Amino acid sequence: KLSNEQIVTKTVKLVRGPKGYGMYLREACPVEKIASFVPTETKPSTQLIIDCDEGGVARQAGLQAGDFIIEVNNEDVRKKPHTELVKLIGSLENEVCLKVVHVPKFKILSFEAK
């Protein structure tokens, strides 16, 4: 066992900073497979936060690499394509409420290798 971290769900409210929200997303599922995507404990969404700026809004709110975005302003986005999610978050005025599920890094690596 590589980590004692547990899978945790949390909701955070972010207020856009001068450089945006300071988080970087990546698709955790190829676009062509989104229609058949089924959320699991270790892969709860198609969108994954891979990094947060040091001192940025997202990091200050407690977001981190390994957080999967499952809701944006109470809208289920688990099966939303990357470009649509980025467009949705970018279209919001000054703040966004994100519900995320944190999956420990060793579990992320295990599904990427498959």
C-alpha atoms as a PDB file:
ATOM      1  CA  LYS A   1       0.000   0.000   0.000  1.00  0.00           C
ATOM      2  CA  LEU A   2       1.507   3.310  -1.113  1.00  0.00           C
ATOM      3  CA  SER A   3      -0.714   5.740   0.796  1.00  0.00           C
ATOM      4  CA  ASN A   4      -3.078   5.992   3.744  1.00  0.00           C
ATOM      5  CA  GLU A   5      -5.166   8.647   1.974  1.00  0.00           C
ATOM      6  CA  GLN A   6      -8.857   7.971   1.586  1.00  0.00           C
ATOM      7  CA  ILE A   7     -11.228   8.881  -1.223  1.00  0.00           C
ATOM      8  CA  VAL A   8     -12.902  12.123  -0.080  1.00  0.00           C
ATOM      9  CA  THR A   9     -15.740  14.213  -1.547  1.00  0.00           C
ATOM     10  CA  LYS A  10     -15.848  17.955  -0.899  1.00  0.00           C
ATOM     11  CA  THR A  11     -17.542  21.079  -2.232  1.00  0.00           C
ATOM     12  CA  VAL A  12     -15.635  24.347  -2.589  1.00  0.00           C
ATOM     13  CA  LYS A  13     -16.567  27.840  -3.735  1.00  0.00           C
ATOM     14  CA  LEU A  14     -13.929  29.651  -5.782  1.00  0.00           C
ATOM     15  CA  VAL A  15     -13.848  33.376  -6.478  1.00  0.00           C
ATOM     16  CA  ARG A  16     -11.915  34.145  -9.652  1.00  0.00           C
ATOM     17  CA  GLY A  17      -8.535  35.714  -8.931  1.00  0.00           C
ATOM     18  CA  PRO A  18      -6.446  37.993 -11.180  1.00  0.00           C
ATOM     19  CA  LYS A  19      -5.075  34.902 -12.947  1.00  0.00           C
ATOM     20  CA  GLY A  20      -8.322  32.921 -12.988  1.00  0.00           C
ATOM     21  CA  TYR A  21      -8.906  29.964 -10.686  1.00  0.00           C
ATOM     22  CA  GLY A  22      -5.372  28.583 -10.917  1.00  0.00           C
ATOM     23  CA  MET A  23      -6.185  24.951 -11.687  1.00  0.00           C
ATOM     24  CA  TYR A  24      -5.250  22.716 -14.582  1.00  0.00           C
ATOM     25  CA  LEU A  25      -7.595  20.032 -15.876  1.00  0.00           C
ATOM     26  CA  ARG A  26      -7.024  16.915 -17.920  1.00  0.00           C
ATOM     27  CA  GLU A  27      -9.376  14.424 -19.509  1.00  0.00           C
ATOM     28  CA  ALA A  28      -9.445  11.153 -17.616  1.00  0.00           C
ATOM     29  CA  CYS A  29     -11.403   9.519 -20.439  1.00  0.00           C
ATOM     30  CA  PRO A  30     -10.966   9.842 -24.221  1.00  0.00           C
ATOM     31  CA  VAL A  31     -13.722  11.908 -25.888  1.00  0.00           C
ATOM     32  CA  GLU A  32     -14.860   8.949 -27.985  1.00  0.00           C
ATOM     33  CA  LYS A  33     -15.505   6.899 -24.813  1.00  0.00           C
ATOM     34  CA  ILE A  34     -17.420   9.532 -22.806  1.00  0.00           C
ATOM     35  CA  ALA A  35     -20.847   8.269 -23.960  1.00  0.00           C
ATOM     36  CA  SER A  36     -20.125   4.829 -22.474  1.00  0.00           C
ATOM     37  CA  PHE A  37     -18.228   6.127 -19.421  1.00  0.00           C
ATOM     38  CA  VAL A  38     -19.444   4.716 -16.091  1.00  0.00           C
ATOM     39  CA  PRO A  39     -18.157   6.474 -12.953  1.00  0.00           C
ATOM     40  CA  THR A  40     -16.293   4.243 -10.485  1.00  0.00           C
ATOM     41  CA  GLU A  41     -14.717   4.784  -7.061  1.00  0.00           C
ATOM     42  CA  THR A  42     -11.249   5.321  -8.545  1.00  0.00           C
ATOM     43  CA  LYS A  43     -12.425   7.162 -11.687  1.00  0.00           C
ATOM     44  CA  PRO A  44     -15.537   9.128 -10.663  1.00  0.00           C
ATOM     45  CA  SER A  45     -15.493  11.614 -13.556  1.00  0.00           C
ATOM     46  CA  THR A  46     -14.054  12.278 -16.995  1.00  0.00           C
ATOM     47  CA  GLN A  47     -12.270  15.418 -15.723  1.00  0.00           C
ATOM     48  CA  LEU A  48      -9.305  15.497 -13.364  1.00  0.00           C
ATOM     49  CA  ILE A  49      -7.400  18.362 -11.728  1.00  0.00           C
ATOM     50  CA  ILE A  50      -3.729  17.665 -12.421  1.00  0.00           C
ATOM     51  CA  ASP A  51      -2.211  20.738 -10.759  1.00  0.00           C
ATOM     52  CA  CYS A  52      -3.033  23.954  -8.894  1.00  0.00           C
ATOM     53  CA  ASP A  53      -0.979  27.154  -8.882  1.00  0.00           C
ATOM     54  CA  GLU A  54       1.018  27.769  -5.723  1.00  0.00           C
ATOM     55  CA  GLY A  55      -0.894  30.485  -3.851  1.00  0.00           C
ATOM     56  CA  GLY A  56      -3.742  30.354  -6.393  1.00  0.00           C
ATOM     57  CA  VAL A  57      -7.450  30.424  -5.625  1.00  0.00           C
ATOM     58  CA  ALA A  58      -7.950  26.677  -6.204  1.00  0.00           C
ATOM     59  CA  ARG A  59      -5.073  25.645  -3.938  1.00  0.00           C
ATOM     60  CA  GLN A  60      -6.161  28.086  -1.216  1.00  0.00           C
ATOM     61  CA  ALA A  61      -9.611  26.433  -1.324  1.00  0.00           C
ATOM     62  CA  GLY A  62      -8.003  23.030  -0.752  1.00  0.00           C
ATOM     63  CA  LEU A  63      -8.138  21.637  -4.281  1.00  0.00           C
ATOM     64  CA  GLN A  64      -5.227  19.465  -5.380  1.00  0.00           C
ATOM     65  CA  ALA A  65      -3.952  17.111  -8.032  1.00  0.00           C
ATOM     66  CA  GLY A  66      -6.099  13.983  -7.957  1.00  0.00           C
ATOM     67  CA  ASP A  67      -9.418  15.822  -7.529  1.00  0.00           C
ATOM     68  CA  PHE A  68     -12.035  14.757 -10.063  1.00  0.00           C
ATOM     69  CA  ILE A  69     -14.673  17.398 -10.824  1.00  0.00           C
ATOM     70  CA  ILE A  70     -18.140  15.883 -10.531  1.00  0.00           C
ATOM     71  CA  GLU A  71     -20.332  19.019 -10.288  1.00  0.00           C
ATOM     72  CA  VAL A  72     -20.089  22.656 -11.364  1.00  0.00           C
ATOM     73  CA  ASN A  73     -22.682  24.902  -9.684  1.00  0.00           C
ATOM     74  CA  ASN A  74     -24.791  21.803  -8.888  1.00  0.00           C
ATOM     75  CA  GLU A  75     -24.679  20.583 -12.511  1.00  0.00           C
ATOM     76  CA  ASP A  76     -23.461  16.997 -12.935  1.00  0.00           C
ATOM     77  CA  VAL A  77     -20.371  17.138 -15.175  1.00  0.00           C
ATOM     78  CA  ARG A  78     -19.052  13.591 -14.691  1.00  0.00           C
ATOM     79  CA  LYS A  79     -19.602  12.827 -18.391  1.00  0.00           C
ATOM     80  CA  LYS A  80     -18.934  16.291 -19.842  1.00  0.00           C
ATOM     81  CA  PRO A  81     -16.158  16.528 -22.466  1.00  0.00           C
ATOM     82  CA  HIS A  82     -13.087  18.557 -21.517  1.00  0.00           C
ATOM     83  CA  THR A  83     -13.724  21.449 -23.927  1.00  0.00           C
ATOM     84  CA  GLU A  84     -17.304  21.821 -22.689  1.00  0.00           C
ATOM     85  CA  LEU A  85     -16.240  21.820 -19.022  1.00  0.00           C
ATOM     86  CA  VAL A  86     -13.540  24.438 -19.630  1.00  0.00           C
ATOM     87  CA  LYS A  87     -16.062  26.560 -21.569  1.00  0.00           C
ATOM     88  CA  LEU A  88     -18.645  26.210 -18.764  1.00  0.00           C
ATOM     89  CA  ILE A  89     -16.202  27.246 -16.026  1.00  0.00           C
ATOM     90  CA  GLY A  90     -14.827  30.080 -18.171  1.00  0.00           C
ATOM     91  CA  SER A  91     -18.316  31.422 -18.899  1.00  0.00           C
ATOM     92  CA  LEU A  92     -19.113  32.005 -15.233  1.00  0.00           C
ATOM     93  CA  GLU A  93     -18.837  35.601 -14.034  1.00  0.00           C
ATOM     94  CA  ASN A  94     -16.642  35.676 -10.940  1.00  0.00           C
ATOM     95  CA  GLU A  95     -17.202  32.521  -8.950  1.00  0.00           C
ATOM     96  CA  VAL A  96     -17.826  28.825  -9.251  1.00  0.00           C
ATOM     97  CA  CYS A  97     -18.902  26.086  -6.865  1.00  0.00           C
ATOM     98  CA  LEU A  98     -17.147  22.770  -7.523  1.00  0.00           C
ATOM     99  CA  LYS A  99     -17.909  19.389  -6.055  1.00  0.00           C
ATOM    100  CA  VAL A 100     -14.862  17.157  -6.316  1.00  0.00           C
ATOM    101  CA  VAL A 101     -13.817  13.668  -5.355  1.00  0.00           C
ATOM    102  CA  HIS A 102     -10.181  13.250  -4.325  1.00  0.00           C
ATOM    103  CA  VAL A 103      -8.656   9.948  -5.357  1.00  0.00           C
ATOM    104  CA  PRO A 104      -5.226   9.201  -3.862  1.00  0.00           C
ATOM    105  CA  LYS A 105      -2.414   9.403  -6.403  1.00  0.00           C
ATOM    106  CA  PHE A 106      -1.494   5.715  -6.311  1.00  0.00           C
ATOM    107  CA  LYS A 107      -5.040   4.819  -7.384  1.00  0.00           C
ATOM    108  CA  ILE A 108      -4.898   7.317 -10.260  1.00  0.00           C
ATOM    109  CA  LEU A 109      -1.666   5.752 -11.477  1.00  0.00           C
ATOM    110  CA  SER A 110      -3.205   2.287 -11.308  1.00  0.00           C
ATOM    111  CA  PHE A 111      -6.017   3.092 -13.759  1.00  0.00           C
ATOM    112  CA  GLU A 112      -3.741   5.041 -16.131  1.00  0.00           C
ATOM    113  CA  ALA A 113      -1.533   2.003 -16.542  1.00  0.00           C
ATOM    114  CA  LYS A 114      -4.412  -0.164 -17.746  1.00  0.00           C
END
